[in-house]
Amino acid sequence: DPSEGLARAASRRGDENRFESMDMDFHHRIRTGFLSIAKNEPGRVAVLNAAQDKTALHAQVLDVIKQRLGVTLKPVAI
């Protein structure tokens, strides 16, 4: 969700903010575009729920890597 993504970006330190300064309509269009790519190329693009806590998201990323690449990675402390 663009609102959640912008909130996460605002919580990070750093000077990079050119995308964060764009209006919400821009972020919704970008999200729609990425979801369209994921729908058309499901073997290449995985859609993950980044609203979940980072430990659960990390586990989901590792699971996608294992399923798609056949590689098992050990979780790391995050």
PDB file of N, CA and C in Angstrom:
ATOM      1  N   ASP A   1       0.840  -1.186   0.000  1.00  0.00           N
ATOM      2  CA  ASP A   1       0.000   0.000   0.000  1.00  0.00           C
ATOM      3  C   ASP A   1       0.881   1.245   0.000  1.00  0.00           C
ATOM      4  N   PRO A   2       0.619   2.184  -0.875  1.00  0.00           N
ATOM      5  CA  PRO A   2       1.460   3.378  -0.959  1.00  0.00           C
ATOM      6  C   PRO A   2       1.572   4.157   0.350  1.00  0.00           C
ATOM      7  N   SER A   3       0.493   4.251   1.103  1.00  0.00           N
ATOM      8  CA  SER A   3       0.553   4.990   2.376  1.00  0.00           C
ATOM      9  C   SER A   3       1.519   4.326   3.341  1.00  0.00           C
ATOM     10  N   GLU A   4       1.474   3.006   3.419  1.00  0.00           N
ATOM     11  CA  GLU A   4       2.381   2.287   4.310  1.00  0.00           C
ATOM     12  C   GLU A   4       3.821   2.406   3.834  1.00  0.00           C
ATOM     13  N   GLY A   5       4.029   2.319   2.538  1.00  0.00           N
ATOM     14  CA  GLY A   5       5.377   2.447   1.992  1.00  0.00           C
ATOM     15  C   GLY A   5       5.972   3.817   2.271  1.00  0.00           C
ATOM     16  N   LEU A   6       5.171   4.852   2.119  1.00  0.00           N
ATOM     17  CA  LEU A   6       5.657   6.204   2.389  1.00  0.00           C
ATOM     18  C   LEU A   6       5.959   6.387   3.879  1.00  0.00           C
ATOM     19  N   ALA A   7       5.146   5.784   4.726  1.00  0.00           N
ATOM     20  CA  ALA A   7       5.406   5.877   6.166  1.00  0.00           C
ATOM     21  C   ALA A   7       6.713   5.188   6.516  1.00  0.00           C
ATOM     22  N   ARG A   8       6.969   4.009   5.915  1.00  0.00           N
ATOM     23  CA  ARG A   8       8.241   3.325   6.165  1.00  0.00           C
ATOM     24  C   ARG A   8       9.404   4.162   5.661  1.00  0.00           C
ATOM     25  N   ALA A   9       9.253   4.733   4.476  1.00  0.00           N
ATOM     26  CA  ALA A   9      10.336   5.544   3.909  1.00  0.00           C
ATOM     27  C   ALA A   9      10.623   6.759   4.787  1.00  0.00           C
ATOM     28  N   ALA A  10       9.584   7.347   5.346  1.00  0.00           N
ATOM     29  CA  ALA A  10       9.765   8.520   6.203  1.00  0.00           C
ATOM     30  C   ALA A  10      10.495   8.170   7.491  1.00  0.00           C
ATOM     31  N   SER A  11      10.368   6.926   7.928  1.00  0.00           N
ATOM     32  CA  SER A  11      11.018   6.516   9.173  1.00  0.00           C
ATOM     33  C   SER A  11      12.503   6.222   8.997  1.00  0.00           C
ATOM     34  N   ARG A  12      12.938   6.070   7.745  1.00  0.00           N
ATOM     35  CA  ARG A  12      14.358   5.796   7.490  1.00  0.00           C
ATOM     36  C   ARG A  12      15.145   7.096   7.469  1.00  0.00           C
ATOM     37  N   ARG A  13      16.399   6.961   7.796  1.00  0.00           N
ATOM     38  CA  ARG A  13      17.286   8.120   7.696  1.00  0.00           C
ATOM     39  C   ARG A  13      17.855   8.174   6.299  1.00  0.00           C
ATOM     40  N   GLY A  14      18.160   9.333   5.846  1.00  0.00           N
ATOM     41  CA  GLY A  14      18.779   9.482   4.535  1.00  0.00           C
ATOM     42  C   GLY A  14      18.256  10.712   3.826  1.00  0.00           C
ATOM     43  N   ASP A  15      18.981  11.086   2.791  1.00  0.00           N
ATOM     44  CA  ASP A  15      18.645  12.292   2.063  1.00  0.00           C
ATOM     45  C   ASP A  15      17.802  12.024   0.830  1.00  0.00           C
ATOM     46  N   GLU A  16      17.681  10.757   0.429  1.00  0.00           N
ATOM     47  CA  GLU A  16      16.954  10.418  -0.795  1.00  0.00           C
ATOM     48  C   GLU A  16      15.456  10.523  -0.549  1.00  0.00           C
ATOM     49  N   ASN A  17      14.813  11.439  -1.253  1.00  0.00           N
ATOM     50  CA  ASN A  17      13.372  11.603  -1.059  1.00  0.00           C
ATOM     51  C   ASN A  17      12.648  12.009  -2.339  1.00  0.00           C
ATOM     52  N   ARG A  18      13.282  11.814  -3.486  1.00  0.00           N
ATOM     53  CA  ARG A  18      12.638  12.307  -4.705  1.00  0.00           C
ATOM     54  C   ARG A  18      11.352  11.557  -4.999  1.00  0.00           C
ATOM     55  N   PHE A  19      11.289  10.251  -4.758  1.00  0.00           N
ATOM     56  CA  PHE A  19      10.037   9.528  -4.976  1.00  0.00           C
ATOM     57  C   PHE A  19       9.039   9.818  -3.864  1.00  0.00           C
ATOM     58  N   GLU A  20       9.534   9.949  -2.652  1.00  0.00           N
ATOM     59  CA  GLU A  20       8.655  10.216  -1.522  1.00  0.00           C
ATOM     60  C   GLU A  20       7.964  11.565  -1.652  1.00  0.00           C
ATOM     61  N   SER A  21       8.545  12.489  -2.400  1.00  0.00           N
ATOM     62  CA  SER A  21       7.944  13.813  -2.551  1.00  0.00           C
ATOM     63  C   SER A  21       6.858  13.860  -3.627  1.00  0.00           C
ATOM     64  N   MET A  22       6.692  12.770  -4.364  1.00  0.00           N
ATOM     65  CA  MET A  22       5.647  12.725  -5.390  1.00  0.00           C
ATOM     66  C   MET A  22       4.277  12.566  -4.720  1.00  0.00           C
ATOM     67  N   ASP A  23       3.221  12.999  -5.424  1.00  0.00           N
ATOM     68  CA  ASP A  23       1.887  12.926  -4.829  1.00  0.00           C
ATOM     69  C   ASP A  23       1.370  11.483  -4.762  1.00  0.00           C
ATOM     70  N   MET A  24       0.314  11.289  -3.988  1.00  0.00           N
ATOM     71  CA  MET A  24      -0.218   9.950  -3.750  1.00  0.00           C
ATOM     72  C   MET A  24      -0.724   9.306  -5.034  1.00  0.00           C
ATOM     73  N   ASP A  25      -1.254  10.081  -5.948  1.00  0.00           N
ATOM     74  CA  ASP A  25      -1.721   9.534  -7.223  1.00  0.00           C
ATOM     75  C   ASP A  25      -0.571   8.865  -7.972  1.00  0.00           C
ATOM     76  N   PHE A  26       0.598   9.469  -7.946  1.00  0.00           N
ATOM     77  CA  PHE A  26       1.785   8.889  -8.570  1.00  0.00           C
ATOM     78  C   PHE A  26       2.073   7.510  -7.968  1.00  0.00           C
ATOM     79  N   HIS A  27       2.056   7.424  -6.651  1.00  0.00           N
ATOM     80  CA  HIS A  27       2.367   6.171  -5.976  1.00  0.00           C
ATOM     81  C   HIS A  27       1.330   5.086  -6.267  1.00  0.00           C
ATOM     82  N   HIS A  28       0.072   5.475  -6.381  1.00  0.00           N
ATOM     83  CA  HIS A  28      -0.962   4.501  -6.737  1.00  0.00           C
ATOM     84  C   HIS A  28      -0.766   4.002  -8.175  1.00  0.00           C
ATOM     85  N   ARG A  29      -0.389   4.883  -9.085  1.00  0.00           N
ATOM     86  CA  ARG A  29      -0.136   4.466 -10.472  1.00  0.00           C
ATOM     87  C   ARG A  29       1.055   3.510 -10.545  1.00  0.00           C
ATOM     88  N   ILE A  30       2.104   3.804  -9.810  1.00  0.00           N
ATOM     89  CA  ILE A  30       3.281   2.933  -9.783  1.00  0.00           C
ATOM     90  C   ILE A  30       2.899   1.558  -9.235  1.00  0.00           C
ATOM     91  N   ARG A  31       2.142   1.529  -8.146  1.00  0.00           N
ATOM     92  CA  ARG A  31       1.716   0.262  -7.555  1.00  0.00           C
ATOM     93  C   ARG A  31       0.882  -0.539  -8.545  1.00  0.00           C
ATOM     94  N   THR A  32      -0.054   0.130  -9.214  1.00  0.00           N
ATOM     95  CA  THR A  32      -0.882  -0.545 -10.210  1.00  0.00           C
ATOM     96  C   THR A  32      -0.022  -1.135 -11.314  1.00  0.00           C
ATOM     97  N   GLY A  33       0.977  -0.394 -11.752  1.00  0.00           N
ATOM     98  CA  GLY A  33       1.879  -0.885 -12.794  1.00  0.00           C
ATOM     99  C   GLY A  33       2.656  -2.116 -12.345  1.00  0.00           C
ATOM    100  N   PHE A  34       3.189  -2.085 -11.131  1.00  0.00           N
ATOM    101  CA  PHE A  34       3.937  -3.236 -10.621  1.00  0.00           C
ATOM    102  C   PHE A  34       3.032  -4.449 -10.449  1.00  0.00           C
ATOM    103  N   LEU A  35       1.812  -4.238  -9.956  1.00  0.00           N
ATOM    104  CA  LEU A  35       0.887  -5.360  -9.793  1.00  0.00           C
ATOM    105  C   LEU A  35       0.494  -5.953 -11.144  1.00  0.00           C
ATOM    106  N   SER A  36       0.408  -5.115 -12.159  1.00  0.00           N
ATOM    107  CA  SER A  36       0.115  -5.596 -13.505  1.00  0.00           C
ATOM    108  C   SER A  36       1.260  -6.472 -14.029  1.00  0.00           C
ATOM    109  N   ILE A  37       2.482  -6.031 -13.814  1.00  0.00           N
ATOM    110  CA  ILE A  37       3.641  -6.824 -14.219  1.00  0.00           C
ATOM    111  C   ILE A  37       3.624  -8.164 -13.485  1.00  0.00           C
ATOM    112  N   ALA A  38       3.343  -8.141 -12.188  1.00  0.00           N
ATOM    113  CA  ALA A  38       3.315  -9.380 -11.400  1.00  0.00           C
ATOM    114  C   ALA A  38       2.234 -10.327 -11.896  1.00  0.00           C
ATOM    115  N   LYS A  39       1.092  -9.775 -12.270  1.00  0.00           N
ATOM    116  CA  LYS A  39      -0.004 -10.609 -12.771  1.00  0.00           C
ATOM    117  C   LYS A  39       0.370 -11.246 -14.110  1.00  0.00           C
ATOM    118  N   ASN A  40       1.025 -10.489 -14.967  1.00  0.00           N
ATOM    119  CA  ASN A  40       1.392 -10.976 -16.297  1.00  0.00           C
ATOM    120  C   ASN A  40       2.620 -11.879 -16.294  1.00  0.00           C
ATOM    121  N   GLU A  41       3.445 -11.776 -15.260  1.00  0.00           N
ATOM    122  CA  GLU A  41       4.677 -12.562 -15.193  1.00  0.00           C
ATOM    123  C   GLU A  41       4.856 -13.181 -13.804  1.00  0.00           C
ATOM    124  N   PRO A  42       3.915 -14.045 -13.404  1.00  0.00           N
ATOM    125  CA  PRO A  42       3.968 -14.584 -12.039  1.00  0.00           C
ATOM    126  C   PRO A  42       5.183 -15.454 -11.745  1.00  0.00           C
ATOM    127  N   GLY A  43       5.805 -15.998 -12.758  1.00  0.00           N
ATOM    128  CA  GLY A  43       7.007 -16.790 -12.530  1.00  0.00           C
ATOM    129  C   GLY A  43       8.233 -15.949 -12.293  1.00  0.00           C
ATOM    130  N   ARG A  44       8.147 -14.682 -12.627  1.00  0.00           N
ATOM    131  CA  ARG A  44       9.286 -13.772 -12.494  1.00  0.00           C
ATOM    132  C   ARG A  44       9.132 -12.807 -11.321  1.00  0.00           C
ATOM    133  N   VAL A  45       7.897 -12.476 -10.986  1.00  0.00           N
ATOM    134  CA  VAL A  45       7.644 -11.446  -9.985  1.00  0.00           C
ATOM    135  C   VAL A  45       6.789 -12.014  -8.858  1.00  0.00           C
ATOM    136  N   ALA A  46       7.235 -11.838  -7.631  1.00  0.00           N
ATOM    137  CA  ALA A  46       6.461 -12.257  -6.457  1.00  0.00           C
ATOM    138  C   ALA A  46       5.917 -11.016  -5.769  1.00  0.00           C
ATOM    139  N   VAL A  47       4.669 -11.064  -5.372  1.00  0.00           N
ATOM    140  CA  VAL A  47       4.055  -9.971  -4.614  1.00  0.00           C
ATOM    141  C   VAL A  47       4.020 -10.401  -3.159  1.00  0.00           C
ATOM    142  N   LEU A  48       4.632  -9.595  -2.313  1.00  0.00           N
ATOM    143  CA  LEU A  48       4.702  -9.889  -0.888  1.00  0.00           C
ATOM    144  C   LEU A  48       3.966  -8.812  -0.109  1.00  0.00           C
ATOM    145  N   ASN A  49       3.440  -9.192   1.025  1.00  0.00           N
ATOM    146  CA  ASN A  49       2.740  -8.243   1.883  1.00  0.00           C
ATOM    147  C   ASN A  49       3.749  -7.575   2.809  1.00  0.00           C
ATOM    148  N   ALA A  50       4.148  -6.384   2.457  1.00  0.00           N
ATOM    149  CA  ALA A  50       5.153  -5.675   3.247  1.00  0.00           C
ATOM    150  C   ALA A  50       4.561  -5.019   4.487  1.00  0.00           C
ATOM    151  N   ALA A  51       3.242  -5.147   4.695  1.00  0.00           N
ATOM    152  CA  ALA A  51       2.615  -4.584   5.886  1.00  0.00           C
ATOM    153  C   ALA A  51       2.834  -5.477   7.108  1.00  0.00           C
ATOM    154  N   GLN A  52       3.240  -6.728   6.868  1.00  0.00           N
ATOM    155  CA  GLN A  52       3.490  -7.624   7.996  1.00  0.00           C
ATOM    156  C   GLN A  52       4.792  -7.237   8.681  1.00  0.00           C
ATOM    157  N   ASP A  53       5.006  -7.768   9.879  1.00  0.00           N
ATOM    158  CA  ASP A  53       6.241  -7.415  10.580  1.00  0.00           C
ATOM    159  C   ASP A  53       7.446  -7.939   9.795  1.00  0.00           C
ATOM    160  N   LYS A  54       8.591  -7.336  10.041  1.00  0.00           N
ATOM    161  CA  LYS A  54       9.762  -7.627   9.211  1.00  0.00           C
ATOM    162  C   LYS A  54      10.260  -9.064   9.352  1.00  0.00           C
ATOM    163  N   THR A  55      10.045  -9.686  10.494  1.00  0.00           N
ATOM    164  CA  THR A  55      10.457 -11.077  10.647  1.00  0.00           C
ATOM    165  C   THR A  55       9.615 -11.991   9.757  1.00  0.00           C
ATOM    166  N   ALA A  56       8.313 -11.762   9.733  1.00  0.00           N
ATOM    167  CA  ALA A  56       7.422 -12.555   8.881  1.00  0.00           C
ATOM    168  C   ALA A  56       7.713 -12.291   7.409  1.00  0.00           C
ATOM    169  N   LEU A  57       7.962 -11.037   7.059  1.00  0.00           N
ATOM    170  CA  LEU A  57       8.287 -10.703   5.675  1.00  0.00           C
ATOM    171  C   LEU A  57       9.592 -11.374   5.262  1.00  0.00           C
ATOM    172  N   HIS A  58      10.572 -11.361   6.124  1.00  0.00           N
ATOM    173  CA  HIS A  58      11.861 -12.008   5.851  1.00  0.00           C
ATOM    174  C   HIS A  58      11.652 -13.503   5.585  1.00  0.00           C
ATOM    175  N   ALA A  59      10.833 -14.142   6.412  1.00  0.00           N
ATOM    176  CA  ALA A  59      10.544 -15.570   6.221  1.00  0.00           C
ATOM    177  C   ALA A  59       9.845 -15.803   4.882  1.00  0.00           C
ATOM    178  N   GLN A  60       8.950 -14.906   4.510  1.00  0.00           N
ATOM    179  CA  GLN A  60       8.247 -15.041   3.232  1.00  0.00           C
ATOM    180  C   GLN A  60       9.222 -14.882   2.064  1.00  0.00           C
ATOM    181  N   VAL A  61      10.146 -13.959   2.156  1.00  0.00           N
ATOM    182  CA  VAL A  61      11.162 -13.776   1.111  1.00  0.00           C
ATOM    183  C   VAL A  61      11.995 -15.045   0.967  1.00  0.00           C
ATOM    184  N   LEU A  62      12.435 -15.602   2.093  1.00  0.00           N
ATOM    185  CA  LEU A  62      13.229 -16.833   2.044  1.00  0.00           C
ATOM    186  C   LEU A  62      12.442 -17.977   1.426  1.00  0.00           C
ATOM    187  N   ASP A  63      11.151 -18.052   1.723  1.00  0.00           N
ATOM    188  CA  ASP A  63      10.305 -19.097   1.155  1.00  0.00           C
ATOM    189  C   ASP A  63      10.189 -18.950  -0.363  1.00  0.00           C
ATOM    190  N   VAL A  64      10.026 -17.729  -0.844  1.00  0.00           N
ATOM    191  CA  VAL A  64       9.946 -17.493  -2.291  1.00  0.00           C
ATOM    192  C   VAL A  64      11.259 -17.895  -2.957  1.00  0.00           C
ATOM    193  N   ILE A  65      12.381 -17.540  -2.345  1.00  0.00           N
ATOM    194  CA  ILE A  65      13.688 -17.921  -2.897  1.00  0.00           C
ATOM    195  C   ILE A  65      13.812 -19.440  -2.974  1.00  0.00           C
ATOM    196  N   LYS A  66      13.391 -20.116  -1.916  1.00  0.00           N
ATOM    197  CA  LYS A  66      13.466 -21.576  -1.891  1.00  0.00           C
ATOM    198  C   LYS A  66      12.581 -22.184  -2.974  1.00  0.00           C
ATOM    199  N   GLN A  67      11.346 -21.701  -3.093  1.00  0.00           N
ATOM    200  CA  GLN A  67      10.412 -22.241  -4.083  1.00  0.00           C
ATOM    201  C   GLN A  67      10.891 -21.991  -5.510  1.00  0.00           C
ATOM    202  N   ARG A  68      11.366 -20.799  -5.768  1.00  0.00           N
ATOM    203  CA  ARG A  68      11.695 -20.438  -7.146  1.00  0.00           C
ATOM    204  C   ARG A  68      13.092 -20.837  -7.585  1.00  0.00           C
ATOM    205  N   LEU A  69      14.019 -20.814  -6.659  1.00  0.00           N
ATOM    206  CA  LEU A  69      15.412 -21.089  -7.017  1.00  0.00           C
ATOM    207  C   LEU A  69      15.925 -22.403  -6.457  1.00  0.00           C
ATOM    208  N   GLY A  70      15.155 -23.018  -5.566  1.00  0.00           N
ATOM    209  CA  GLY A  70      15.590 -24.269  -4.971  1.00  0.00           C
ATOM    210  C   GLY A  70      16.750 -24.092  -4.011  1.00  0.00           C
ATOM    211  N   VAL A  71      16.887 -22.898  -3.468  1.00  0.00           N
ATOM    212  CA  VAL A  71      17.982 -22.585  -2.570  1.00  0.00           C
ATOM    213  C   VAL A  71      17.411 -22.331  -1.176  1.00  0.00           C
ATOM    214  N   THR A  72      17.961 -22.990  -0.201  1.00  0.00           N
ATOM    215  CA  THR A  72      17.540 -22.768   1.176  1.00  0.00           C
ATOM    216  C   THR A  72      18.552 -21.882   1.865  1.00  0.00           C
ATOM    217  N   LEU A  73      18.076 -20.761   2.344  1.00  0.00           N
ATOM    218  CA  LEU A  73      18.920 -19.813   3.059  1.00  0.00           C
ATOM    219  C   LEU A  73      18.526 -19.791   4.522  1.00  0.00           C
ATOM    220  N   LYS A  74      19.476 -19.567   5.386  1.00  0.00           N
ATOM    221  CA  LYS A  74      19.200 -19.488   6.801  1.00  0.00           C
ATOM    222  C   LYS A  74      18.694 -18.083   7.141  1.00  0.00           C
ATOM    223  N   PRO A  75      17.679 -17.996   7.985  1.00  0.00           N
ATOM    224  CA  PRO A  75      17.224 -16.682   8.407  1.00  0.00           C
ATOM    225  C   PRO A  75      18.333 -15.964   9.183  1.00  0.00           C
ATOM    226  N   VAL A  76      18.328 -14.668   9.098  1.00  0.00           N
ATOM    227  CA  VAL A  76      19.281 -13.864   9.849  1.00  0.00           C
ATOM    228  C   VAL A  76      18.507 -12.986  10.821  1.00  0.00           C
ATOM    229  N   ALA A  77      19.169 -12.548  11.854  1.00  0.00           N
ATOM    230  CA  ALA A  77      18.532 -11.644  12.806  1.00  0.00           C
ATOM    231  C   ALA A  77      18.346 -10.286  12.131  1.00  0.00           C
ATOM    232  N   ILE A  78      17.124  -9.804  12.186  1.00  0.00           N
ATOM    233  CA  ILE A  78      16.853  -8.488  11.581  1.00  0.00           C
ATOM    234  C   ILE A  78      16.228  -7.548  12.560  1.00  0.00           C
TER     235      ILE A  78
END
